[in-house]
Amino acid sequence: MTLGASIALIVIGAILAFAVDFQVAGVDIQVIGYILMLGGLVGAILTVALSSRRDRYVERDVPARERYVERDRDVY
């Protein structure tokens, strides 16, 4: 799950939990909102934790490859 998807889940969950005011038979919309917010929060924490872990293992002392562009020779 990406960070954007996690934030979207948090926003949709907050809308369902705090702004929606209708009843569906057998379904509690507010609880679904809280579940979505919790899932988004867990996803955001995992995304940040895994991306920082991945960055730690990147070799930073290796110089970037130089890019060579082959040009046509001017022959007279």
PDB file of N, CA and C in Angstrom:
ATOM      1  N   MET A   1       0.849  -1.167   0.000  1.00  0.00           N
ATOM      2  CA  MET A   1       0.000   0.000   0.000  1.00  0.00           C
ATOM      3  C   MET A   1       0.895   1.230   0.000  1.00  0.00           C
ATOM      4  N   THR A   2       0.582   2.170  -0.849  1.00  0.00           N
ATOM      5  CA  THR A   2       1.373   3.385  -0.906  1.00  0.00           C
ATOM      6  C   THR A   2       0.888   4.387   0.143  1.00  0.00           C
ATOM      7  N   LEU A   3       1.695   5.401   0.334  1.00  0.00           N
ATOM      8  CA  LEU A   3       1.342   6.422   1.312  1.00  0.00           C
ATOM      9  C   LEU A   3       0.081   7.171   0.875  1.00  0.00           C
ATOM     10  N   GLY A   4      -0.060   7.389  -0.417  1.00  0.00           N
ATOM     11  CA  GLY A   4      -1.258   8.062  -0.922  1.00  0.00           C
ATOM     12  C   GLY A   4      -2.528   7.265  -0.674  1.00  0.00           C
ATOM     13  N   ALA A   5      -2.452   5.963  -0.861  1.00  0.00           N
ATOM     14  CA  ALA A   5      -3.610   5.109  -0.601  1.00  0.00           C
ATOM     15  C   ALA A   5      -3.948   5.098   0.885  1.00  0.00           C
ATOM     16  N   SER A   6      -2.932   5.116   1.728  1.00  0.00           N
ATOM     17  CA  SER A   6      -3.166   5.149   3.176  1.00  0.00           C
ATOM     18  C   SER A   6      -3.856   6.441   3.589  1.00  0.00           C
ATOM     19  N   ILE A   7      -3.401   7.551   3.029  1.00  0.00           N
ATOM     20  CA  ILE A   7      -4.025   8.834   3.352  1.00  0.00           C
ATOM     21  C   ILE A   7      -5.459   8.866   2.839  1.00  0.00           C
ATOM     22  N   ALA A   8      -5.695   8.288   1.660  1.00  0.00           N
ATOM     23  CA  ALA A   8      -7.059   8.233   1.126  1.00  0.00           C
ATOM     24  C   ALA A   8      -7.973   7.419   2.044  1.00  0.00           C
ATOM     25  N   LEU A   9      -7.475   6.292   2.565  1.00  0.00           N
ATOM     26  CA  LEU A   9      -8.286   5.500   3.498  1.00  0.00           C
ATOM     27  C   LEU A   9      -8.601   6.283   4.767  1.00  0.00           C
ATOM     28  N   ILE A  10      -7.629   7.021   5.262  1.00  0.00           N
ATOM     29  CA  ILE A  10      -7.852   7.817   6.475  1.00  0.00           C
ATOM     30  C   ILE A  10      -8.915   8.883   6.212  1.00  0.00           C
ATOM     31  N   VAL A  11      -8.824   9.554   5.064  1.00  0.00           N
ATOM     32  CA  VAL A  11      -9.792  10.607   4.734  1.00  0.00           C
ATOM     33  C   VAL A  11     -11.189  10.028   4.540  1.00  0.00           C
ATOM     34  N   ILE A  12     -11.300   8.947   3.798  1.00  0.00           N
ATOM     35  CA  ILE A  12     -12.622   8.333   3.583  1.00  0.00           C
ATOM     36  C   ILE A  12     -13.194   7.836   4.911  1.00  0.00           C
ATOM     37  N   GLY A  13     -12.355   7.247   5.748  1.00  0.00           N
ATOM     38  CA  GLY A  13     -12.826   6.793   7.051  1.00  0.00           C
ATOM     39  C   GLY A  13     -13.288   7.931   7.934  1.00  0.00           C
ATOM     40  N   ALA A  14     -12.563   9.050   7.895  1.00  0.00           N
ATOM     41  CA  ALA A  14     -12.966  10.206   8.700  1.00  0.00           C
ATOM     42  C   ALA A  14     -14.286  10.779   8.211  1.00  0.00           C
ATOM     43  N   ILE A  15     -14.476  10.798   6.911  1.00  0.00           N
ATOM     44  CA  ILE A  15     -15.754  11.283   6.372  1.00  0.00           C
ATOM     45  C   ILE A  15     -16.896  10.382   6.823  1.00  0.00           C
ATOM     46  N   LEU A  16     -16.688   9.072   6.730  1.00  0.00           N
ATOM     47  CA  LEU A  16     -17.747   8.149   7.161  1.00  0.00           C
ATOM     48  C   LEU A  16     -17.985   8.225   8.666  1.00  0.00           C
ATOM     49  N   ALA A  17     -16.936   8.392   9.460  1.00  0.00           N
ATOM     50  CA  ALA A  17     -17.088   8.373  10.913  1.00  0.00           C
ATOM     51  C   ALA A  17     -17.675   9.669  11.469  1.00  0.00           C
ATOM     52  N   PHE A  18     -17.330  10.805  10.862  1.00  0.00           N
ATOM     53  CA  PHE A  18     -17.700  12.071  11.482  1.00  0.00           C
ATOM     54  C   PHE A  18     -18.703  12.904  10.687  1.00  0.00           C
ATOM     55  N   ALA A  19     -18.770  12.734   9.366  1.00  0.00           N
ATOM     56  CA  ALA A  19     -19.590  13.637   8.563  1.00  0.00           C
ATOM     57  C   ALA A  19     -20.869  13.002   8.027  1.00  0.00           C
ATOM     58  N   VAL A  20     -20.897  11.705   7.875  1.00  0.00           N
ATOM     59  CA  VAL A  20     -22.069  11.048   7.296  1.00  0.00           C
ATOM     60  C   VAL A  20     -23.092  10.804   8.400  1.00  0.00           C
ATOM     61  N   ASP A  21     -24.346  11.151   8.081  1.00  0.00           N
ATOM     62  CA  ASP A  21     -25.389  11.039   9.099  1.00  0.00           C
ATOM     63  C   ASP A  21     -26.604  10.300   8.545  1.00  0.00           C
ATOM     64  N   PHE A  22     -26.397   9.073   8.082  1.00  0.00           N
ATOM     65  CA  PHE A  22     -27.535   8.270   7.658  1.00  0.00           C
ATOM     66  C   PHE A  22     -27.364   6.859   8.188  1.00  0.00           C
ATOM     67  N   GLN A  23     -28.469   6.151   8.241  1.00  0.00           N
ATOM     68  CA  GLN A  23     -28.503   4.814   8.808  1.00  0.00           C
ATOM     69  C   GLN A  23     -28.722   3.783   7.701  1.00  0.00           C
ATOM     70  N   VAL A  24     -27.998   2.685   7.800  1.00  0.00           N
ATOM     71  CA  VAL A  24     -28.200   1.555   6.904  1.00  0.00           C
ATOM     72  C   VAL A  24     -28.552   0.377   7.803  1.00  0.00           C
ATOM     73  N   ALA A  25     -29.579  -0.359   7.443  1.00  0.00           N
ATOM     74  CA  ALA A  25     -30.034  -1.463   8.276  1.00  0.00           C
ATOM     75  C   ALA A  25     -28.934  -2.518   8.415  1.00  0.00           C
ATOM     76  N   GLY A  26     -28.535  -2.775   9.635  1.00  0.00           N
ATOM     77  CA  GLY A  26     -27.552  -3.815   9.922  1.00  0.00           C
ATOM     78  C   GLY A  26     -26.108  -3.391   9.748  1.00  0.00           C
ATOM     79  N   VAL A  27     -25.861  -2.136   9.370  1.00  0.00           N
ATOM     80  CA  VAL A  27     -24.490  -1.663   9.148  1.00  0.00           C
ATOM     81  C   VAL A  27     -24.284  -0.372   9.920  1.00  0.00           C
ATOM     82  N   ASP A  28     -23.230  -0.311  10.690  1.00  0.00           N
ATOM     83  CA  ASP A  28     -22.899   0.913  11.404  1.00  0.00           C
ATOM     84  C   ASP A  28     -21.820   1.648  10.619  1.00  0.00           C
ATOM     85  N   ILE A  29     -22.204   2.727   9.949  1.00  0.00           N
ATOM     86  CA  ILE A  29     -21.310   3.478   9.072  1.00  0.00           C
ATOM     87  C   ILE A  29     -20.140   4.070   9.860  1.00  0.00           C
ATOM     88  N   GLN A  30     -20.383   4.495  11.084  1.00  0.00           N
ATOM     89  CA  GLN A  30     -19.317   5.092  11.891  1.00  0.00           C
ATOM     90  C   GLN A  30     -18.235   4.069  12.231  1.00  0.00           C
ATOM     91  N   VAL A  31     -18.614   2.852  12.525  1.00  0.00           N
ATOM     92  CA  VAL A  31     -17.632   1.810  12.818  1.00  0.00           C
ATOM     93  C   VAL A  31     -16.808   1.487  11.576  1.00  0.00           C
ATOM     94  N   ILE A  32     -17.441   1.461  10.418  1.00  0.00           N
ATOM     95  CA  ILE A  32     -16.701   1.235   9.182  1.00  0.00           C
ATOM     96  C   ILE A  32     -15.704   2.366   8.958  1.00  0.00           C
ATOM     97  N   GLY A  33     -16.095   3.590   9.273  1.00  0.00           N
ATOM     98  CA  GLY A  33     -15.178   4.727   9.162  1.00  0.00           C
ATOM     99  C   GLY A  33     -13.975   4.578  10.072  1.00  0.00           C
ATOM    100  N   TYR A  34     -14.214   4.157  11.309  1.00  0.00           N
ATOM    101  CA  TYR A  34     -13.096   3.952  12.241  1.00  0.00           C
ATOM    102  C   TYR A  34     -12.172   2.822  11.766  1.00  0.00           C
ATOM    103  N   ILE A  35     -12.747   1.778  11.207  1.00  0.00           N
ATOM    104  CA  ILE A  35     -11.941   0.661  10.700  1.00  0.00           C
ATOM    105  C   ILE A  35     -11.085   1.127   9.522  1.00  0.00           C
ATOM    106  N   LEU A  36     -11.664   1.920   8.619  1.00  0.00           N
ATOM    107  CA  LEU A  36     -10.891   2.438   7.495  1.00  0.00           C
ATOM    108  C   LEU A  36      -9.763   3.359   7.962  1.00  0.00           C
ATOM    109  N   MET A  37     -10.046   4.201   8.950  1.00  0.00           N
ATOM    110  CA  MET A  37      -8.992   5.082   9.479  1.00  0.00           C
ATOM    111  C   MET A  37      -7.873   4.266  10.108  1.00  0.00           C
ATOM    112  N   LEU A  38      -8.215   3.219  10.832  1.00  0.00           N
ATOM    113  CA  LEU A  38      -7.203   2.369  11.455  1.00  0.00           C
ATOM    114  C   LEU A  38      -6.372   1.651  10.387  1.00  0.00           C
ATOM    115  N   GLY A  39      -7.042   1.132   9.357  1.00  0.00           N
ATOM    116  CA  GLY A  39      -6.319   0.476   8.270  1.00  0.00           C
ATOM    117  C   GLY A  39      -5.392   1.437   7.539  1.00  0.00           C
ATOM    118  N   GLY A  40      -5.835   2.669   7.312  1.00  0.00           N
ATOM    119  CA  GLY A  40      -4.989   3.675   6.679  1.00  0.00           C
ATOM    120  C   GLY A  40      -3.800   4.042   7.532  1.00  0.00           C
ATOM    121  N   LEU A  41      -4.015   4.129   8.835  1.00  0.00           N
ATOM    122  CA  LEU A  41      -2.911   4.455   9.745  1.00  0.00           C
ATOM    123  C   LEU A  41      -1.877   3.335   9.769  1.00  0.00           C
ATOM    124  N   VAL A  42      -2.331   2.104   9.836  1.00  0.00           N
ATOM    125  CA  VAL A  42      -1.403   0.961   9.816  1.00  0.00           C
ATOM    126  C   VAL A  42      -0.651   0.917   8.486  1.00  0.00           C
ATOM    127  N   GLY A  43      -1.353   1.159   7.388  1.00  0.00           N
ATOM    128  CA  GLY A  43      -0.700   1.176   6.084  1.00  0.00           C
ATOM    129  C   GLY A  43       0.335   2.272   5.967  1.00  0.00           C
ATOM    130  N   ALA A  44       0.041   3.453   6.501  1.00  0.00           N
ATOM    131  CA  ALA A  44       1.000   4.562   6.451  1.00  0.00           C
ATOM    132  C   ALA A  44       2.238   4.249   7.286  1.00  0.00           C
ATOM    133  N   ILE A  45       2.034   3.670   8.462  1.00  0.00           N
ATOM    134  CA  ILE A  45       3.179   3.322   9.319  1.00  0.00           C
ATOM    135  C   ILE A  45       4.044   2.269   8.638  1.00  0.00           C
ATOM    136  N   LEU A  46       3.420   1.251   8.047  1.00  0.00           N
ATOM    137  CA  LEU A  46       4.200   0.215   7.360  1.00  0.00           C
ATOM    138  C   LEU A  46       4.932   0.772   6.142  1.00  0.00           C
ATOM    139  N   THR A  47       4.291   1.661   5.398  1.00  0.00           N
ATOM    140  CA  THR A  47       4.930   2.253   4.226  1.00  0.00           C
ATOM    141  C   THR A  47       6.158   3.056   4.619  1.00  0.00           C
ATOM    142  N   VAL A  48       6.030   3.871   5.650  1.00  0.00           N
ATOM    143  CA  VAL A  48       7.170   4.685   6.095  1.00  0.00           C
ATOM    144  C   VAL A  48       8.269   3.800   6.664  1.00  0.00           C
ATOM    145  N   ALA A  49       7.899   2.792   7.428  1.00  0.00           N
ATOM    146  CA  ALA A  49       8.903   1.912   8.038  1.00  0.00           C
ATOM    147  C   ALA A  49       9.652   1.116   6.978  1.00  0.00           C
ATOM    148  N   LEU A  50       8.945   0.591   6.000  1.00  0.00           N
ATOM    149  CA  LEU A  50       9.608  -0.208   4.968  1.00  0.00           C
ATOM    150  C   LEU A  50      10.434   0.645   4.023  1.00  0.00           C
ATOM    151  N   SER A  51       9.994   1.865   3.743  1.00  0.00           N
ATOM    152  CA  SER A  51      10.786   2.710   2.853  1.00  0.00           C
ATOM    153  C   SER A  51      12.045   3.199   3.546  1.00  0.00           C
ATOM    154  N   SER A  52      11.987   3.474   4.835  1.00  0.00           N
ATOM    155  CA  SER A  52      13.205   3.895   5.545  1.00  0.00           C
ATOM    156  C   SER A  52      14.162   2.718   5.695  1.00  0.00           C
ATOM    157  N   ARG A  53      13.627   1.525   5.831  1.00  0.00           N
ATOM    158  CA  ARG A  53      14.473   0.331   5.920  1.00  0.00           C
ATOM    159  C   ARG A  53      15.173   0.072   4.593  1.00  0.00           C
ATOM    160  N   ARG A  54      14.468   0.298   3.484  1.00  0.00           N
ATOM    161  CA  ARG A  54      15.039   0.091   2.160  1.00  0.00           C
ATOM    162  C   ARG A  54      16.129   1.133   1.879  1.00  0.00           C
ATOM    163  N   ASP A  55      15.911   2.380   2.312  1.00  0.00           N
ATOM    164  CA  ASP A  55      16.903   3.428   2.098  1.00  0.00           C
ATOM    165  C   ASP A  55      18.182   3.183   2.879  1.00  0.00           C
ATOM    166  N   ARG A  56      18.096   2.480   3.976  1.00  0.00           N
ATOM    167  CA  ARG A  56      19.269   2.236   4.805  1.00  0.00           C
ATOM    168  C   ARG A  56      20.271   1.333   4.090  1.00  0.00           C
ATOM    169  N   TYR A  57      19.794   0.444   3.230  1.00  0.00           N
ATOM    170  CA  TYR A  57      20.674  -0.515   2.579  1.00  0.00           C
ATOM    171  C   TYR A  57      21.192  -0.044   1.218  1.00  0.00           C
ATOM    172  N   VAL A  58      20.827   1.155   0.821  1.00  0.00           N
ATOM    173  CA  VAL A  58      21.324   1.687  -0.436  1.00  0.00           C
ATOM    174  C   VAL A  58      22.753   2.162  -0.220  1.00  0.00           C
ATOM    175  N   GLU A  59      23.642   1.758  -1.103  1.00  0.00           N
ATOM    176  CA  GLU A  59      25.035   2.175  -0.971  1.00  0.00           C
ATOM    177  C   GLU A  59      25.143   3.628  -1.404  1.00  0.00           C
ATOM    178  N   ARG A  60      25.554   4.476  -0.482  1.00  0.00           N
ATOM    179  CA  ARG A  60      25.610   5.895  -0.778  1.00  0.00           C
ATOM    180  C   ARG A  60      26.992   6.335  -1.257  1.00  0.00           C
ATOM    181  N   ASP A  61      28.032   5.517  -1.080  1.00  0.00           N
ATOM    182  CA  ASP A  61      29.373   5.909  -1.464  1.00  0.00           C
ATOM    183  C   ASP A  61      29.701   5.558  -2.911  1.00  0.00           C
ATOM    184  N   VAL A  62      28.833   4.838  -3.556  1.00  0.00           N
ATOM    185  CA  VAL A  62      29.082   4.447  -4.937  1.00  0.00           C
ATOM    186  C   VAL A  62      28.703   5.611  -5.843  1.00  0.00           C
ATOM    187  N   PRO A  63      29.647   6.086  -6.669  1.00  0.00           N
ATOM    188  CA  PRO A  63      29.301   7.221  -7.540  1.00  0.00           C
ATOM    189  C   PRO A  63      28.297   6.800  -8.606  1.00  0.00           C
ATOM    190  N   ALA A  64      27.507   7.738  -9.004  1.00  0.00           N
ATOM    191  CA  ALA A  64      26.515   7.465 -10.039  1.00  0.00           C
ATOM    192  C   ALA A  64      27.227   7.210 -11.365  1.00  0.00           C
ATOM    193  N   ARG A  65      26.647   6.379 -12.179  1.00  0.00           N
ATOM    194  CA  ARG A  65      27.245   6.093 -13.483  1.00  0.00           C
ATOM    195  C   ARG A  65      27.208   7.343 -14.346  1.00  0.00           C
ATOM    196  N   GLU A  66      28.292   7.537 -15.033  1.00  0.00           N
ATOM    197  CA  GLU A  66      28.321   8.663 -15.954  1.00  0.00           C
ATOM    198  C   GLU A  66      27.641   8.255 -17.250  1.00  0.00           C
ATOM    199  N   ARG A  67      26.989   9.189 -17.836  1.00  0.00           N
ATOM    200  CA  ARG A  67      26.264   8.903 -19.062  1.00  0.00           C
ATOM    201  C   ARG A  67      27.091   9.373 -20.252  1.00  0.00           C
ATOM    202  N   TYR A  68      27.371   8.456 -21.130  1.00  0.00           N
ATOM    203  CA  TYR A  68      28.130   8.774 -22.319  1.00  0.00           C
ATOM    204  C   TYR A  68      27.181   8.807 -23.512  1.00  0.00           C
ATOM    205  N   VAL A  69      27.251   9.863 -24.251  1.00  0.00           N
ATOM    206  CA  VAL A  69      26.428  10.009 -25.435  1.00  0.00           C
ATOM    207  C   VAL A  69      27.339   9.920 -26.641  1.00  0.00           C
ATOM    208  N   GLU A  70      27.043   8.991 -27.513  1.00  0.00           N
ATOM    209  CA  GLU A  70      27.860   8.832 -28.715  1.00  0.00           C
ATOM    210  C   GLU A  70      27.434   9.867 -29.737  1.00  0.00           C
ATOM    211  N   ARG A  71      28.392  10.625 -30.214  1.00  0.00           N
ATOM    212  CA  ARG A  71      28.098  11.692 -31.179  1.00  0.00           C
ATOM    213  C   ARG A  71      28.705  11.322 -32.532  1.00  0.00           C
ATOM    214  N   ASP A  72      28.082  11.845 -33.557  1.00  0.00           N
ATOM    215  CA  ASP A  72      28.629  11.641 -34.887  1.00  0.00           C
ATOM    216  C   ASP A  72      29.900  12.455 -35.041  1.00  0.00           C
ATOM    217  N   ARG A  73      30.888  11.867 -35.664  1.00  0.00           N
ATOM    218  CA  ARG A  73      32.137  12.582 -35.897  1.00  0.00           C
ATOM    219  C   ARG A  73      31.981  13.468 -37.119  1.00  0.00           C
ATOM    220  N   ASP A  74      32.531  14.629 -37.008  1.00  0.00           N
ATOM    221  CA  ASP A  74      32.556  15.542 -38.156  1.00  0.00           C
ATOM    222  C   ASP A  74      33.758  15.208 -39.007  1.00  0.00           C
ATOM    223  N   VAL A  75      33.543  14.644 -40.160  1.00  0.00           N
ATOM    224  CA  VAL A  75      34.628  14.260 -41.057  1.00  0.00           C
ATOM    225  C   VAL A  75      34.593  15.201 -42.248  1.00  0.00           C
ATOM    226  N   TYR A  76      35.736  15.841 -42.514  1.00  0.00           N
ATOM    227  CA  TYR A  76      35.816  16.783 -43.629  1.00  0.00           C
ATOM    228  C   TYR A  76      36.582  16.220 -44.767  1.00  0.00           C
TER     229      TYR A  76
END
